[in-house]
Amino acid sequence: MTTVMQAVEIAAFGPPEGLRLGERPVPRPGPGELLIRVAASGVNRPDVLQRKGSYAPPPGVSDLPGLEVAGVVEAGDSEAMAQAGLRVGDRVCALVAGGGYAQWCVAPVPQCLPVPEGLSDVEAASLPETFFTVWSNVFDRARLQPGETLLVQGGSSGIGVTAIQLARARGATVIVTAGSDDKCAACLALGAHHAINYKTQDFVAETRRITEGRGVDVVLDMVAGSYVAREVECLAEDGRVVIIAVQGGLQAEFNAGLVLRKRLTITGSTLRPRPVAFKGAIAQALREQVWPLLASGAVKPVIHSTFAAADAARAHALMESNAHVGKIVLTWTT
């Protein structure tokens, strides 16, 4: 096997043009790790933040961007792989804390999952970051139950299209917000029960109308900022807001009296710095409860665009334009 690989590096913090294709040594797997020959790498909003210099990788993690990959296992800790039911030659997808924009990538074995039956490498590479995030936040932290109502802010994003499908498959009613009528239509086609164009409609008034004044049980919030106060207003009693990004700002003011009277929970999380054991538990839950839905076609990857790895700057420009519905993926040749 070659000792040198191509990788997308951040040559300069700032606009997408700061990404460049360079050469790096092929990483070596350590204890509890395996090496993946990467066929495709998912592009995610945290990659954009890292490129801008505002989201550094955790200590000890590769400085290369990229949080999810799909490809073939080439080497690794044989005992750890055996315990996970994996072996050299298997097609896998993996959640990583960095280093995914490369022809080879090291991943902790517990964070690797077999490619669901019938899926391509591009489709598989689109799964880990959004499926781990949605499962951990919507179903673990916010405890969404069958028969409850979920409001997804940004339903056409990679996170959004995943949340729509998983929540609906598990028996919840799904309301989404999106920034255009076309995006709202795309969300409805994916299974959302209701879609609100936040540029022309007040999502608080609309959720109250849709729920006949009751409110929603869970809000998946990628905006924060001023949105938090409005989300508190549209929650049902014992409702939960879970914040996973702060695109609208770090500071939020809200009516604490409503929190008290309606017994609300405001929570949030970041996934990247969490320990391997935590992410491994999510992977196991996905393998048992979600991977069969992917294999059966009940839940499907949503791919908006693919780009050759050399065109990573174009992929990031598309991500920042917010013109996409679903995931953006880089492809590699080795």
Protein backbone atom coordinates (compact mmCIF):
# COMPACT_ATOMS: atom_id res chain seq x y z
CA MET A 1 0.00 0.00 0.00
CA THR A 2 1.18 3.53 -0.78
CA THR A 3 2.52 5.63 2.09
CA VAL A 4 1.38 8.98 0.67
CA MET A 5 -2.19 10.09 -0.01
CA GLN A 6 -4.09 13.07 -1.32
CA ALA A 7 -6.03 15.14 1.18
CA VAL A 8 -7.99 18.39 1.22
CA GLU A 9 -6.10 20.83 3.44
CA ILE A 10 -7.07 24.21 4.86
CA ALA A 11 -4.28 26.31 3.40
CA ALA A 12 -5.71 29.54 4.78
CA PHE A 13 -8.66 30.28 7.06
CA GLY A 14 -11.43 32.18 5.33
CA PRO A 15 -13.38 31.68 2.09
CA PRO A 16 -13.75 28.32 0.29
CA GLU A 17 -10.71 29.07 -1.89
CA GLY A 18 -8.58 28.36 1.17
CA LEU A 19 -9.11 24.64 0.59
CA ARG A 20 -6.49 22.91 -1.52
CA LEU A 21 -5.56 19.38 -2.52
CA GLY A 22 -2.26 18.38 -0.93
CA GLU A 23 -0.29 15.30 0.09
CA ARG A 24 -0.11 13.73 3.52
CA PRO A 25 1.30 10.50 4.93
CA VAL A 26 -1.26 7.70 5.06
CA PRO A 27 -2.32 7.48 8.73
CA ARG A 28 -1.74 4.31 10.72
CA PRO A 29 -4.45 2.80 12.92
CA GLY A 30 -3.69 2.42 16.60
CA PRO A 31 -5.31 0.23 19.25
CA GLY A 32 -9.07 0.16 18.82
CA GLU A 33 -8.87 1.73 15.38
CA LEU A 34 -9.12 0.70 11.75
CA LEU A 35 -7.93 2.20 8.47
CA ILE A 36 -10.46 2.98 5.73
CA ARG A 37 -9.63 3.44 2.05
CA VAL A 38 -12.03 6.28 1.49
CA ALA A 39 -14.38 6.32 -1.49
CA ALA A 40 -16.51 9.27 -0.39
CA SER A 41 -16.50 11.96 2.31
CA GLY A 42 -19.55 13.84 3.57
CA VAL A 43 -19.50 17.64 3.73
CA ASN A 44 -21.05 19.22 6.82
CA ARG A 45 -21.57 22.66 8.33
CA PRO A 46 -18.85 22.11 10.99
CA ASP A 47 -16.35 21.64 8.13
CA VAL A 48 -17.22 25.13 6.92
CA LEU A 49 -16.74 26.54 10.41
CA GLN A 50 -13.38 24.79 10.71
CA ARG A 51 -12.31 26.20 7.34
CA LYS A 52 -13.18 29.68 8.59
CA GLY A 53 -11.05 29.16 11.70
CA SER A 54 -13.92 29.14 14.19
CA TYR A 55 -14.18 25.42 15.00
CA ALA A 56 -10.85 23.81 15.80
CA PRO A 57 -10.58 20.03 15.96
CA PRO A 58 -10.28 18.46 19.42
CA PRO A 59 -6.74 17.96 20.78
CA GLY A 60 -4.90 15.12 19.08
CA VAL A 61 -7.26 14.99 16.09
CA SER A 62 -6.14 15.51 12.48
CA ASP A 63 -6.23 19.11 11.29
CA LEU A 64 -7.87 17.93 8.06
CA PRO A 65 -11.60 18.66 7.85
CA GLY A 66 -14.17 15.91 7.38
CA LEU A 67 -16.38 14.17 9.95
CA GLU A 68 -17.76 11.22 7.97
CA VAL A 69 -16.47 8.78 5.38
CA ALA A 70 -17.36 5.60 3.55
CA GLY A 71 -15.04 3.06 1.99
CA VAL A 72 -13.29 -0.27 2.56
CA VAL A 73 -11.48 -1.50 5.65
CA GLU A 74 -7.80 -2.02 4.80
CA ALA A 75 -6.21 -2.73 8.19
CA GLY A 76 -6.76 -2.29 11.89
CA ASP A 77 -6.96 -3.72 15.39
CA SER A 78 -8.07 -7.27 14.61
CA GLU A 79 -9.44 -7.96 18.08
CA ALA A 80 -11.51 -4.76 18.17
CA MET A 81 -12.77 -5.41 14.66
CA ALA A 82 -13.76 -8.98 15.54
CA GLN A 83 -15.73 -7.76 18.53
CA ALA A 84 -17.59 -5.34 16.22
CA GLY A 85 -18.20 -7.97 13.57
CA LEU A 86 -15.94 -6.22 11.04
CA ARG A 87 -12.98 -7.45 9.02
CA VAL A 88 -10.55 -6.31 6.34
CA GLY A 89 -12.37 -5.88 3.03
CA ASP A 90 -15.71 -4.86 4.53
CA ARG A 91 -17.50 -1.78 3.23
CA VAL A 92 -18.10 0.60 6.12
CA CYS A 93 -19.09 4.14 6.92
CA ALA A 94 -17.69 5.94 9.93
CA LEU A 95 -18.05 9.01 12.11
CA VAL A 96 -14.68 10.65 12.77
CA ALA A 97 -13.60 13.74 14.70
CA GLY A 98 -11.52 14.97 11.75
CA GLY A 99 -9.40 13.76 8.85
CA GLY A 100 -12.28 12.67 6.62
CA TYR A 101 -11.25 14.72 3.59
CA ALA A 102 -8.56 12.26 2.54
CA GLN A 103 -7.99 9.08 0.54
CA TRP A 104 -7.33 7.13 3.75
CA CYS A 105 -8.79 7.79 7.16
CA VAL A 106 -8.37 6.24 10.60
CA ALA A 107 -11.55 5.71 12.63
CA PRO A 108 -12.32 4.24 16.06
CA VAL A 109 -13.84 0.80 15.51
CA PRO A 110 -16.95 1.51 17.66
CA GLN A 111 -17.79 4.48 15.40
CA CYS A 112 -17.82 2.34 12.25
CA LEU A 113 -20.91 0.74 10.79
CA PRO A 114 -21.40 -1.62 7.85
CA VAL A 115 -22.76 0.06 4.73
CA PRO A 116 -26.50 -0.67 4.72
CA GLU A 117 -27.52 -3.18 2.09
CA GLY A 118 -28.17 -1.61 -1.30
CA LEU A 119 -26.47 1.73 -0.63
CA SER A 120 -23.62 3.22 -2.66
CA ASP A 121 -20.46 4.63 -1.11
CA VAL A 122 -21.72 8.17 -1.74
CA GLU A 123 -25.00 7.40 0.02
CA ALA A 124 -23.20 5.71 2.91
CA ALA A 125 -20.83 8.67 3.36
CA SER A 126 -23.84 10.94 3.83
CA LEU A 127 -25.11 9.03 6.88
CA PRO A 128 -22.87 9.16 9.98
CA GLU A 129 -22.74 12.82 10.99
CA THR A 130 -26.44 13.53 10.55
CA PHE A 131 -27.76 10.17 11.76
CA PHE A 132 -25.55 10.14 14.88
CA THR A 133 -26.54 13.76 15.61
CA VAL A 134 -30.27 13.31 15.10
CA TRP A 135 -30.43 10.08 17.07
CA SER A 136 -28.44 11.48 19.99
CA ASN A 137 -30.39 14.72 20.22
CA VAL A 138 -33.93 14.01 19.07
CA PHE A 139 -34.36 10.52 20.51
CA ASP A 140 -31.85 10.32 23.38
CA ARG A 141 -31.75 13.87 24.77
CA ALA A 142 -35.20 15.14 23.75
CA ARG A 143 -36.88 11.73 24.15
CA LEU A 144 -39.24 12.12 21.17
CA GLN A 145 -42.00 9.51 21.47
CA PRO A 146 -44.48 8.02 18.97
CA GLY A 147 -47.52 10.26 18.74
CA GLU A 148 -45.60 13.43 19.70
CA THR A 149 -44.92 16.39 17.40
CA LEU A 150 -41.44 17.49 16.32
CA LEU A 151 -40.57 20.92 14.88
CA VAL A 152 -37.39 20.89 12.81
CA GLN A 153 -35.77 24.25 12.11
CA GLY A 154 -34.11 24.00 8.70
CA GLY A 155 -35.87 20.95 7.34
CA SER A 156 -34.02 20.93 4.01
CA SER A 157 -30.54 20.65 5.56
CA GLY A 158 -28.71 17.36 5.92
CA ILE A 159 -29.77 17.22 9.56
CA GLY A 160 -33.30 18.23 8.61
CA VAL A 161 -33.93 15.57 5.97
CA THR A 162 -32.63 12.94 8.39
CA ALA A 163 -34.81 14.18 11.25
CA ILE A 164 -37.91 14.25 9.03
CA GLN A 165 -37.52 10.64 7.97
CA LEU A 166 -36.48 9.16 11.31
CA ALA A 167 -39.18 10.96 13.30
CA ARG A 168 -41.89 9.98 10.84
CA ALA A 169 -40.67 6.37 10.70
CA ARG A 170 -40.89 6.23 14.50
CA GLY A 171 -44.45 7.50 14.63
CA ALA A 172 -44.09 11.23 15.27
CA THR A 173 -45.80 14.13 13.49
CA VAL A 174 -43.21 16.34 11.80
CA ILE A 175 -43.40 20.09 11.19
CA VAL A 176 -40.48 21.80 9.46
CA THR A 177 -39.36 25.30 8.61
CA ALA A 178 -37.53 26.07 5.36
CA GLY A 179 -36.53 29.19 3.46
CA SER A 180 -38.50 28.79 0.23
CA ASP A 181 -41.67 27.22 -1.11
CA ASP A 182 -39.56 24.80 -3.17
CA LYS A 183 -37.69 23.66 -0.07
CA CYS A 184 -40.96 23.28 1.81
CA ALA A 185 -42.27 21.10 -1.02
CA ALA A 186 -39.11 18.97 -0.88
CA CYS A 187 -39.57 18.46 2.87
CA LEU A 188 -43.19 17.41 2.38
CA ALA A 189 -42.09 14.94 -0.29
CA LEU A 190 -39.66 13.42 2.21
CA GLY A 191 -42.41 12.83 4.74
CA ALA A 192 -42.90 16.03 6.71
CA HIS A 193 -46.55 16.48 7.62
CA HIS A 194 -46.39 20.29 7.54
CA ALA A 195 -43.87 22.80 6.16
CA ILE A 196 -43.59 26.48 7.06
CA ASN A 197 -41.78 29.02 4.86
CA TYR A 198 -40.12 31.04 7.60
CA LYS A 199 -39.51 33.96 5.22
CA THR A 200 -43.22 34.49 4.60
CA GLN A 201 -44.87 32.94 7.67
CA ASP A 202 -44.49 33.21 11.44
CA PHE A 203 -43.51 29.73 12.59
CA VAL A 204 -44.89 30.34 16.09
CA ALA A 205 -48.35 31.26 14.79
CA GLU A 206 -48.28 28.41 12.27
CA THR A 207 -47.28 25.74 14.79
CA ARG A 208 -50.04 26.92 17.11
CA ARG A 209 -52.53 26.74 14.24
CA ILE A 210 -51.34 23.30 13.10
CA THR A 211 -51.45 21.89 16.65
CA GLU A 212 -54.75 23.63 17.45
CA GLY A 213 -53.08 25.67 20.18
CA ARG A 214 -51.41 22.77 21.96
CA GLY A 215 -47.87 23.38 20.71
CA VAL A 216 -45.11 20.97 19.74
CA ASP A 217 -43.40 18.47 22.02
CA VAL A 218 -39.84 18.79 20.69
CA VAL A 219 -37.95 21.45 18.72
CA LEU A 220 -34.69 20.59 16.94
CA ASP A 221 -32.92 23.94 16.75
CA MET A 222 -29.88 24.71 14.60
CA VAL A 223 -30.31 28.49 14.89
CA ALA A 224 -30.40 29.49 18.60
CA GLY A 225 -30.13 33.27 19.13
CA SER A 226 -33.51 34.98 18.95
CA TYR A 227 -35.19 31.74 17.87
CA VAL A 228 -35.06 30.29 21.37
CA ALA A 229 -37.61 32.77 22.75
CA ARG A 230 -40.01 32.00 19.91
CA GLU A 231 -39.54 28.26 20.34
CA VAL A 232 -40.40 28.52 24.02
CA GLU A 233 -43.67 30.15 22.96
CA CYS A 234 -44.64 27.32 20.61
CA LEU A 235 -43.82 24.40 22.94
CA ALA A 236 -46.51 22.25 24.52
CA GLU A 237 -46.47 21.49 28.22
CA ASP A 238 -43.41 19.40 29.15
CA GLY A 239 -41.91 20.37 25.77
CA ARG A 240 -38.21 20.16 24.97
CA VAL A 241 -35.91 22.34 22.86
CA VAL A 242 -32.62 20.76 21.86
CA ILE A 243 -30.01 23.12 20.37
CA ILE A 244 -27.33 21.62 18.11
CA ALA A 245 -25.92 24.73 16.40
CA VAL A 246 -25.85 28.49 16.91
CA GLN A 247 -26.11 29.89 13.39
CA GLY A 248 -28.33 32.69 14.71
CA GLY A 249 -26.03 33.70 17.54
CA LEU A 250 -24.82 32.63 20.97
CA GLN A 251 -27.02 34.89 23.10
CA ALA A 252 -30.70 34.15 23.76
CA GLU A 253 -33.38 35.77 25.91
CA PHE A 254 -36.65 34.00 26.59
CA ASN A 255 -39.68 34.08 28.86
CA ALA A 256 -38.55 32.12 31.92
CA GLY A 257 -42.09 32.24 33.26
CA LEU A 258 -43.26 30.08 30.37
CA VAL A 259 -40.46 27.63 31.13
CA LEU A 260 -41.75 27.33 34.69
CA ARG A 261 -45.44 27.18 33.93
CA LYS A 262 -45.12 24.68 31.08
CA ARG A 263 -42.29 22.67 32.71
CA LEU A 264 -40.06 23.09 29.67
CA THR A 265 -36.58 21.72 29.05
CA ILE A 266 -33.95 23.66 27.09
CA THR A 267 -30.92 21.53 26.33
CA GLY A 268 -28.28 21.02 23.67
CA SER A 269 -25.12 19.17 22.80
CA THR A 270 -22.08 18.93 20.55
CA LEU A 271 -20.99 15.54 19.28
CA ARG A 272 -17.46 16.01 18.00
CA PRO A 273 -15.59 16.14 21.35
CA ARG A 274 -17.56 13.33 23.01
CA PRO A 275 -15.63 10.12 23.88
CA VAL A 276 -15.53 7.05 21.67
CA ALA A 277 -17.66 5.05 24.09
CA PHE A 278 -20.47 7.62 23.85
CA LYS A 279 -20.39 7.63 20.06
CA GLY A 280 -20.10 3.87 19.99
CA ALA A 281 -23.33 3.55 21.96
CA ILE A 282 -25.08 5.72 19.38
CA ALA A 283 -23.64 3.56 16.61
CA GLN A 284 -25.00 0.43 18.24
CA ALA A 285 -28.46 1.98 18.56
CA LEU A 286 -28.39 3.03 14.91
CA ARG A 287 -27.31 -0.43 13.80
CA GLU A 288 -30.15 -2.05 15.69
CA GLN A 289 -32.96 0.43 15.12
CA VAL A 290 -32.17 2.53 12.03
CA TRP A 291 -29.97 0.48 9.71
CA PRO A 292 -32.88 -1.94 9.00
CA LEU A 293 -34.95 1.08 7.91
CA LEU A 294 -32.21 2.09 5.49
CA ALA A 295 -31.85 -1.44 4.15
CA SER A 296 -35.60 -1.68 3.55
CA GLY A 297 -35.83 1.73 1.90
CA ALA A 298 -38.18 3.10 4.58
CA VAL A 299 -35.52 5.76 5.25
CA LYS A 300 -33.32 6.97 2.40
CA PRO A 301 -30.17 9.07 2.04
CA VAL A 302 -30.84 12.39 0.34
CA ILE A 303 -27.92 13.47 -1.86
CA HIS A 304 -28.08 16.93 -3.41
CA SER A 305 -24.67 17.04 -5.12
CA THR A 306 -21.37 15.22 -5.40
CA PHE A 307 -18.01 16.81 -6.17
CA ALA A 308 -14.58 15.40 -6.89
CA ALA A 309 -12.37 15.98 -3.86
CA ALA A 310 -10.30 18.45 -5.88
CA ASP A 311 -13.44 20.60 -6.09
CA ALA A 312 -13.97 20.79 -2.33
CA ALA A 313 -14.03 24.60 -2.52
CA ARG A 314 -17.06 24.43 -4.83
CA ALA A 315 -18.76 22.01 -2.41
CA HIS A 316 -18.20 24.44 0.46
CA ALA A 317 -19.50 27.35 -1.61
CA LEU A 318 -22.70 25.39 -2.26
CA MET A 319 -23.02 24.58 1.43
CA GLU A 320 -22.74 28.26 2.33
CA SER A 321 -25.25 29.28 -0.35
CA ASN A 322 -27.95 27.24 1.43
CA ALA A 323 -29.31 26.30 -2.00
CA HIS A 324 -29.08 22.56 -1.37
CA VAL A 325 -31.62 20.06 -0.09
CA GLY A 326 -29.94 17.17 1.69
CA LYS A 327 -26.28 16.21 1.67
CA ILE A 328 -23.19 17.24 -0.29
CA VAL A 329 -20.51 14.57 -0.78
CA LEU A 330 -16.90 14.49 -2.02
CA THR A 331 -15.66 11.52 -4.05
CA TRP A 332 -12.16 10.04 -4.19
CA THR A 333 -10.20 7.78 -6.50
CA THR A 334 -7.36 5.69 -5.08
